[in-house]
Protein backbone atom coordinates (compact mmCIF):
# COMPACT_ATOMS: atom_id res chain seq x y z
CA MET A 1 -231.43 70.86 75.74
CA VAL A 2 -231.12 71.24 71.98
CA THR A 3 -227.48 71.28 70.82
CA ARG A 4 -226.66 73.79 68.11
CA ALA A 5 -225.36 72.22 64.91
CA LEU A 6 -221.76 73.02 64.15
CA SER A 7 -221.18 75.72 61.55
CA VAL A 8 -218.71 74.95 58.78
CA ALA A 9 -217.16 77.46 56.39
CA ILE A 10 -215.84 76.02 53.13
CA ILE A 11 -213.30 78.04 51.18
CA GLY A 12 -213.77 77.23 47.50
CA ALA A 13 -216.83 76.22 45.48
CA GLY A 14 -215.23 73.78 43.10
CA ILE A 15 -216.22 70.14 42.84
CA GLY A 16 -214.68 69.25 46.20
CA GLY A 17 -216.08 72.29 47.99
CA LEU A 18 -219.62 71.82 46.69
CA THR A 19 -219.57 68.09 47.44
CA ALA A 20 -218.42 68.89 50.96
CA ALA A 21 -221.22 71.44 51.33
CA ALA A 22 -223.86 68.96 50.17
CA SER A 23 -222.46 66.12 52.29
CA LEU A 24 -222.16 68.23 55.45
CA ARG A 25 -225.67 69.61 55.03
CA ARG A 26 -226.91 66.05 54.61
CA ALA A 27 -225.23 65.28 57.95
CA GLY A 28 -227.11 68.14 59.63
CA LEU A 29 -224.36 70.77 59.79
CA ASP A 30 -224.77 74.48 59.11
CA VAL A 31 -222.68 75.29 56.02
CA ALA A 32 -221.48 78.41 54.22
CA VAL A 33 -219.31 78.34 51.09
CA TYR A 34 -217.02 81.21 50.09
CA GLU A 35 -215.81 81.40 46.49
CA GLN A 36 -213.47 84.03 45.09
CA ALA A 37 -214.96 83.96 41.57
CA ALA A 38 -217.78 86.39 40.90
CA LYS A 39 -219.73 83.74 38.99
CA PHE A 40 -219.47 80.12 37.96
CA THR A 41 -218.10 79.50 34.48
CA ARG A 42 -218.42 76.43 32.29
CA LEU A 43 -214.85 75.27 31.68
CA GLY A 44 -214.18 73.45 28.44
CA ALA A 45 -213.09 70.20 30.00
CA GLY A 46 -214.14 66.62 30.42
CA ILE A 47 -214.08 64.63 33.62
CA GLN A 48 -214.36 60.96 34.49
CA GLN A 49 -216.53 59.87 37.37
CA THR A 50 -215.47 56.37 38.29
CA PRO A 51 -217.68 54.06 40.39
CA ASN A 52 -216.07 55.10 43.69
CA SER A 53 -217.07 58.74 43.21
CA VAL A 54 -220.47 57.92 41.70
CA MET A 55 -221.27 55.96 44.88
CA VAL A 56 -220.75 59.18 46.85
CA LEU A 57 -222.88 61.23 44.45
CA ARG A 58 -225.60 58.56 44.51
CA GLN A 59 -226.22 59.27 48.19
CA LEU A 60 -226.49 62.97 47.38
CA GLY A 61 -229.28 62.24 44.89
CA LEU A 62 -227.33 63.02 41.72
CA GLU A 63 -226.85 59.65 40.06
CA ASP A 64 -229.82 59.81 37.69
CA ARG A 65 -228.98 63.33 36.57
CA LEU A 66 -225.37 62.39 35.88
CA ARG A 67 -226.38 59.22 34.02
CA ASP A 68 -228.53 61.37 31.76
CA ALA A 69 -225.73 63.86 31.19
CA GLY A 70 -222.82 61.45 30.86
CA TYR A 71 -221.40 59.14 28.23
CA GLN A 72 -221.05 55.49 29.18
CA PRO A 73 -219.20 53.41 26.56
CA SER A 74 -218.90 49.67 26.98
CA VAL A 75 -215.09 49.76 27.11
CA MET A 76 -212.12 52.09 27.26
CA HIS A 77 -209.28 51.17 24.93
CA TYR A 78 -205.65 51.72 25.85
CA ARG A 79 -203.90 51.79 22.48
CA ASP A 80 -200.43 51.90 21.04
CA SER A 81 -199.88 55.41 19.73
CA VAL A 82 -198.64 54.34 16.29
CA THR A 83 -200.23 51.01 15.42
CA GLY A 84 -203.48 51.43 17.36
CA ASP A 85 -203.01 47.95 18.83
CA ILE A 86 -205.06 47.44 21.97
CA LEU A 87 -202.87 47.23 25.06
CA TRP A 88 -205.80 46.87 27.46
CA GLU A 89 -209.54 46.81 26.98
CA LYS A 90 -210.99 48.00 30.27
CA ALA A 91 -214.67 47.35 30.87
CA GLN A 92 -216.45 50.66 31.34
CA GLY A 93 -220.13 49.97 30.72
CA ALA A 94 -222.61 47.43 32.08
CA LYS A 95 -219.88 44.97 33.04
CA ALA A 96 -218.05 47.57 35.10
CA GLU A 97 -221.29 48.62 36.78
CA GLU A 98 -222.10 45.03 37.65
CA LYS A 99 -218.60 44.56 39.07
CA PHE A 100 -218.39 47.72 41.14
CA GLY A 101 -222.02 48.54 41.86
CA ALA A 102 -221.99 51.93 40.14
CA PRO A 103 -221.37 53.25 36.63
CA HIS A 104 -218.25 54.79 35.14
CA LEU A 105 -219.39 58.06 33.52
CA LEU A 106 -217.64 60.44 31.13
CA LEU A 107 -218.95 63.98 31.52
CA HIS A 108 -218.44 67.60 30.72
CA ARG A 109 -216.92 69.07 33.86
CA GLY A 110 -219.50 71.85 33.75
CA ASP A 111 -222.36 69.33 33.93
CA LEU A 112 -220.92 67.79 37.10
CA HIS A 113 -220.35 71.20 38.69
CA GLU A 114 -223.87 72.37 37.77
CA ALA A 115 -225.34 69.19 39.25
CA LEU A 116 -223.53 69.76 42.53
CA ALA A 117 -224.48 73.44 42.59
CA SER A 118 -228.13 72.45 42.14
CA ILE A 119 -228.24 70.67 45.50
CA VAL A 120 -226.53 73.44 47.48
CA PRO A 121 -228.96 76.34 48.10
CA ALA A 122 -227.91 79.58 46.45
CA ASP A 123 -227.92 81.45 49.75
CA VAL A 124 -225.28 79.05 51.10
CA VAL A 125 -222.74 80.00 48.41
CA HIS A 126 -221.16 83.44 48.66
CA LEU A 127 -219.47 84.47 45.40
CA GLY A 128 -216.83 87.16 45.02
CA ARG A 129 -215.40 86.39 48.47
CA LYS A 130 -211.64 85.81 48.25
CA LEU A 131 -210.07 84.82 51.56
CA ALA A 132 -207.50 87.35 52.74
CA SER A 133 -206.73 85.98 56.21
CA PHE A 134 -208.12 83.96 59.07
CA ARG A 135 -207.49 83.40 62.73
CA GLN A 136 -208.53 80.73 65.20
CA ASP A 137 -209.49 81.01 68.82
CA GLU A 138 -211.01 78.66 71.36
CA THR A 139 -214.52 79.09 69.99
CA GLY A 140 -214.13 79.27 66.23
CA VAL A 141 -212.45 80.60 63.12
CA VAL A 142 -212.76 84.20 61.95
CA MET A 143 -212.26 84.80 58.22
CA ARG A 144 -211.57 88.13 56.56
CA PHE A 145 -212.14 88.57 52.84
CA ASP A 146 -210.67 90.89 50.24
CA ASP A 147 -213.85 92.98 50.18
CA GLY A 148 -213.38 93.79 53.86
CA SER A 149 -216.17 91.54 55.10
CA GLU A 150 -215.75 88.98 57.85
CA ALA A 151 -217.41 85.71 58.76
CA ARG A 152 -217.13 83.27 61.63
CA ALA A 153 -217.63 79.51 61.86
CA ASP A 154 -216.87 76.66 64.21
CA VAL A 155 -214.87 74.85 61.50
CA MET A 156 -213.14 75.98 58.31
CA ILE A 157 -212.34 73.70 55.35
CA GLY A 158 -209.79 74.77 52.76
CA ALA A 159 -211.09 73.41 49.47
CA ASP A 160 -209.31 76.15 47.55
CA GLY A 161 -207.27 74.08 45.12
CA VAL A 162 -203.64 73.52 44.28
CA HIS A 163 -202.73 77.15 45.06
CA SER A 164 -204.49 76.94 48.43
CA ILE A 165 -204.29 80.06 50.56
CA VAL A 166 -205.40 77.99 53.55
CA ARG A 167 -202.63 75.41 53.13
CA GLU A 168 -199.96 78.08 52.84
CA ALA A 169 -201.26 79.86 55.93
CA LEU A 170 -201.18 76.66 57.99
CA PHE A 171 -197.97 75.07 56.79
CA GLY A 172 -196.00 77.73 54.94
CA PRO A 173 -195.28 78.33 51.25
CA GLU A 174 -194.46 75.34 49.12
CA LYS A 175 -193.91 75.45 45.39
CA PRO A 176 -195.47 72.49 43.59
CA ARG A 177 -193.15 70.32 41.53
CA TYR A 178 -193.48 70.85 37.79
CA THR A 179 -193.30 67.51 36.00
CA GLY A 180 -191.92 69.00 32.79
CA ARG A 181 -195.16 68.13 31.04
CA VAL A 182 -198.22 70.07 29.97
CA ALA A 183 -201.80 69.05 29.39
CA TYR A 184 -203.52 70.43 26.32
CA ARG A 185 -207.25 70.02 26.68
CA THR A 186 -210.55 71.17 25.26
CA VAL A 187 -214.11 70.20 24.41
CA PHE A 188 -215.27 70.86 20.87
CA PRO A 189 -218.21 69.87 18.62
CA SER A 190 -217.77 66.38 17.18
CA ALA A 191 -219.43 67.63 13.97
CA LEU A 192 -216.03 69.11 13.16
CA LEU A 193 -214.78 65.56 12.63
CA ASN A 194 -216.83 65.54 9.40
CA GLY A 195 -218.12 62.02 9.96
CA ALA A 196 -214.82 60.42 10.93
CA VAL A 197 -215.34 57.40 13.18
CA ILE A 198 -213.32 57.35 16.38
CA ASP A 199 -213.16 55.37 19.59
CA GLY A 200 -215.69 56.68 22.08
CA SER A 201 -213.15 56.36 24.90
CA ALA A 202 -209.44 55.74 24.31
CA LYS A 203 -205.99 56.49 25.68
CA TRP A 204 -203.28 56.54 23.01
CA ILE A 205 -199.91 55.81 24.58
CA GLY A 206 -196.54 56.72 23.12
CA PRO A 207 -193.03 56.36 24.55
CA ASP A 208 -193.01 59.76 26.26
CA ARG A 209 -196.48 61.22 25.76
CA HIS A 210 -200.14 60.27 25.54
CA ILE A 211 -203.56 61.62 24.67
CA VAL A 212 -206.95 60.63 26.08
CA VAL A 213 -210.02 61.15 23.87
CA TYR A 214 -213.68 60.60 24.74
CA TYR A 215 -217.21 61.86 24.21
CA VAL A 216 -218.73 63.78 27.11
CA ASN A 217 -222.43 63.13 26.61
CA PRO A 218 -224.69 60.35 25.32
CA ARG A 219 -225.48 62.34 22.17
CA GLU A 220 -221.80 62.09 21.17
CA ASP A 221 -221.97 65.67 19.89
CA GLU A 222 -219.05 66.95 21.97
CA ILE A 223 -215.62 65.41 22.18
CA TYR A 224 -212.89 65.99 24.75
CA PHE A 225 -209.20 65.34 24.71
CA VAL A 226 -206.40 65.87 27.18
CA THR A 227 -202.70 65.24 26.63
CA SER A 228 -199.54 64.72 28.60
CA THR A 229 -196.93 66.41 26.45
CA PRO A 230 -193.26 67.13 27.27
CA GLU A 231 -192.61 70.87 27.47
CA PRO A 232 -189.83 71.38 30.04
CA GLY A 233 -189.73 75.13 29.51
CA PHE A 234 -193.39 75.73 30.38
CA SER A 235 -194.28 76.20 34.03
CA VAL A 236 -197.36 78.42 34.19
CA GLU A 237 -200.13 76.81 36.21
CA SER A 238 -203.30 78.09 34.61
CA TRP A 239 -206.73 77.00 33.53
CA SER A 240 -206.70 79.51 30.72
CA ALA A 241 -203.32 79.63 28.98
CA ALA A 242 -203.91 79.28 25.25
CA GLY A 243 -202.21 76.36 23.55
CA ASP A 244 -200.65 76.73 20.12
CA MET A 245 -202.41 74.21 17.90
CA ASP A 246 -199.53 73.93 15.43
CA THR A 247 -197.19 73.05 18.30
CA LEU A 248 -199.69 70.50 19.62
CA ARG A 249 -200.23 68.86 16.23
CA ALA A 250 -196.49 68.68 15.64
CA ALA A 251 -196.03 66.94 19.01
CA TYR A 252 -198.42 64.17 17.87
CA ARG A 253 -197.53 63.99 14.17
CA ASP A 254 -196.27 60.41 14.58
CA PHE A 255 -199.42 59.20 16.33
CA HIS A 256 -202.12 57.06 14.74
CA PRO A 257 -204.27 58.74 12.04
CA GLU A 258 -207.30 58.69 14.35
CA VAL A 259 -205.48 60.93 16.83
CA ARG A 260 -204.33 63.25 14.07
CA THR A 261 -207.90 63.47 12.79
CA VAL A 262 -209.09 64.68 16.20
CA LEU A 263 -206.30 67.24 16.53
CA ASP A 264 -206.73 68.50 12.97
CA ALA A 265 -210.44 69.06 13.60
CA CYS A 266 -209.93 70.88 16.88
CA PRO A 267 -210.13 74.68 16.55
CA ALA A 268 -208.43 75.64 19.82
CA ALA A 269 -207.20 74.22 23.13
CA HIS A 270 -205.89 75.46 26.43
CA LYS A 271 -202.91 74.10 28.29
CA TRP A 272 -201.68 74.01 31.83
CA ALA A 273 -198.60 72.73 33.60
CA ILE A 274 -198.94 69.26 35.11
CA ILE A 275 -197.69 69.54 38.67
CA GLU A 276 -197.56 67.31 41.71
CA ARG A 277 -196.60 67.36 45.37
CA ASP A 278 -195.44 64.65 47.69
CA PRO A 279 -198.11 63.40 50.10
CA MET A 280 -198.52 65.84 52.98
CA PRO A 281 -197.97 64.57 56.54
CA ARG A 282 -200.60 66.94 57.96
CA TRP A 283 -203.91 68.25 56.68
CA THR A 284 -205.32 69.84 59.84
CA ASP A 285 -204.69 72.43 62.50
CA ARG A 286 -207.19 72.70 65.34
CA ARG A 287 -210.45 73.82 63.68
CA VAL A 288 -209.14 73.97 60.12
CA ALA A 289 -208.67 71.15 57.60
CA LEU A 290 -207.76 70.84 53.93
CA LEU A 291 -209.64 68.96 51.22
CA GLY A 292 -208.99 67.93 47.63
CA ASP A 293 -206.19 69.51 45.61
CA ALA A 294 -205.34 71.73 48.57
CA CYS A 295 -203.80 68.70 50.30
CA HIS A 296 -203.31 65.99 47.66
CA PRO A 297 -202.85 67.42 44.15
CA MET A 298 -202.08 64.65 41.71
CA THR A 299 -201.32 64.16 38.06
CA PRO A 300 -204.45 63.37 36.00
CA TYR A 301 -203.26 59.99 34.75
CA VAL A 302 -205.71 57.77 36.66
CA ALA A 303 -208.64 60.23 36.60
CA GLN A 304 -208.90 60.41 40.39
CA GLY A 305 -208.27 64.06 41.25
CA ALA A 306 -211.92 65.10 41.49
CA ALA A 307 -212.96 61.63 42.65
CA SER A 308 -210.55 61.85 45.59
CA ALA A 309 -211.93 65.25 46.57
CA ILE A 310 -215.45 63.84 46.40
CA GLU A 311 -214.40 60.97 48.66
CA ASP A 312 -212.78 63.46 51.06
CA ALA A 313 -216.09 65.28 51.34
CA ALA A 314 -218.02 62.17 52.29
CA ILE A 315 -215.48 61.06 54.91
CA LEU A 316 -215.37 64.58 56.35
CA SER A 317 -219.13 64.57 56.75
CA ARG A 318 -219.04 61.20 58.49
CA CYS A 319 -216.40 62.41 60.94
CA LEU A 320 -218.18 65.69 61.76
CA GLU A 321 -221.72 64.31 61.91
CA GLY A 322 -223.03 64.72 65.45
CA ALA A 323 -219.77 66.26 66.66
CA ALA A 324 -219.83 68.77 69.50
CA GLN A 325 -217.52 71.75 69.96
CA ALA A 326 -215.14 69.67 72.04
CA ASP A 327 -214.94 67.02 69.31
CA ILE A 328 -213.87 69.24 66.42
CA GLU A 329 -210.10 68.86 66.54
CA ASN A 330 -210.24 65.12 66.96
CA ALA A 331 -212.91 64.73 64.28
CA LEU A 332 -210.75 66.61 61.75
CA ILE A 333 -207.70 64.55 62.64
CA ARG A 334 -209.78 61.40 62.22
CA TYR A 335 -210.87 62.59 58.78
CA ALA A 336 -207.27 63.22 57.71
CA GLU A 337 -205.96 59.96 59.13
CA THR A 338 -208.71 58.06 57.31
CA ARG A 339 -207.99 59.70 53.97
CA LYS A 340 -204.19 60.08 53.84
CA PRO A 341 -203.20 56.44 53.16
CA ARG A 342 -205.61 56.13 50.24
CA THR A 343 -204.86 59.49 48.64
CA ALA A 344 -201.10 58.95 48.99
CA ARG A 345 -201.44 55.60 47.24
CA ILE A 346 -203.45 57.13 44.40
CA GLN A 347 -201.02 60.05 44.07
CA THR A 348 -198.16 57.59 43.69
CA LEU A 349 -200.02 55.40 41.22
CA SER A 350 -200.98 58.41 39.12
CA SER A 351 -197.43 59.72 39.08
CA LEU A 352 -196.19 56.39 37.67
CA ASN A 353 -198.59 56.64 34.71
CA SER A 354 -198.24 52.90 34.11
CA VAL A 355 -200.95 50.87 32.39
CA ASP A 356 -199.65 47.70 34.01
CA ARG A 357 -199.79 49.18 37.51
CA LEU A 358 -203.26 50.58 36.90
CA ARG A 359 -204.45 47.14 35.79
CA GLN A 360 -203.20 45.75 39.09
CA GLU A 361 -204.77 48.40 41.31
CA TYR A 362 -207.83 49.91 39.63
CA GLU A 363 -210.24 47.47 41.27
CA ALA A 364 -209.14 48.70 44.71
CA ILE A 365 -209.74 52.27 43.57
CA TYR A 366 -213.09 51.79 41.82
CA GLY A 367 -214.53 49.38 44.39
CA TYR A 368 -214.08 51.70 47.38
CA ASP A 369 -217.38 52.59 49.05
CA THR A 370 -216.71 55.82 50.92
CA TRP A 371 -219.92 55.65 52.93
CA ALA A 372 -219.08 52.20 54.32
CA ALA A 373 -215.27 52.41 54.55
CA PRO A 374 -213.86 52.11 58.09
CA LEU A 375 -212.81 55.33 59.74
CA ALA A 376 -209.44 55.73 61.43
CA PRO A 377 -209.35 55.17 65.19
CA CYS A 378 -210.58 58.20 67.10
CA ARG A 379 -207.51 59.47 68.88
CA TYR A 380 -206.16 62.86 69.86
CA LEU A 381 -202.74 63.72 68.48
CA PRO A 382 -201.13 66.37 70.68
CA GLY A 383 -198.98 69.26 69.58
CA LEU A 384 -200.80 70.13 66.39
CA ARG A 385 -200.48 73.89 66.35
CA SER A 386 -199.40 76.43 63.77
CA THR A 387 -199.16 80.21 63.62
CA ASP A 388 -202.40 81.90 62.74
CA MET A 389 -202.54 83.70 59.42
CA ARG A 390 -202.42 87.43 60.05
């Protein structure tokens, strides 16, 4: 008798959701993705793909495309904000690839998202479908969307970000902790630098703030920066809040001339509140599990937010591959128990924002092979129930 492949609904078509879709399809599962946005947009942001996440994307057939799209400098400099003195020169090119078995790539976030979207068939992704509610029964999960439509699947994955509707439905409302800091960020044409020479990849570190600057493609014609800037009065979590450039430049007026050159050339930037949550004790309830920022949002200081979601997707696919209906709850628990220790460690490390601590631990982060990592013991944990979302 032929066993029907499990059907999996993924809520959210961001980097984590699309990686989960591609990974689960690779494992033979029937996947549908539901995204509230009416269309994909190219956000003006950079993203680092460290060797641990590139190893996942390699198995999905994306490595060559991302190598072509990404910038790969030989080193990343951690510099004193005033003097420019090098605090740490971290190998980021051929030496890093030789050490970890995969490259460290600097990309436009849109290029990574487009690459992932290219390997998930268009008819799998349903746009303009915002989750309104869901309920579980003994045979599956029924989802209702804002447009009045419904869908059903054997498993549902909440990959719907830091403001996750799925997480709140399972475990109740929880306000994320504002760190008192904002991130200004943007991508802009490097031609606006008017020939000024800058580091291709650098983090400029001051006593209470920093800025990371790097190119996002091998042509070096677009440059990205992101800051961590104290603004205790700002608490709006948004991808699109406009940043005041005069305020930003004033916040970095004492930084090295190279930083000031970048900020003076920049025409506009957005800002968003940097938030965090403590590691969650539970990610699953019966046939539903969380993934990515929905369960482990972290500060951006070690560039592992998207990488951790990408790792989640691969482990989830390993745990669900070949699973039968009776295996679902235990498979999801196994996924969560495999991932929680690592993501909690990275959340903590990122929150510290310490160059010294990163130097001690980055090899354990970058050298992690998600496809070969041991899975948690397969065990049923009783009593995992929560009220259905109505």
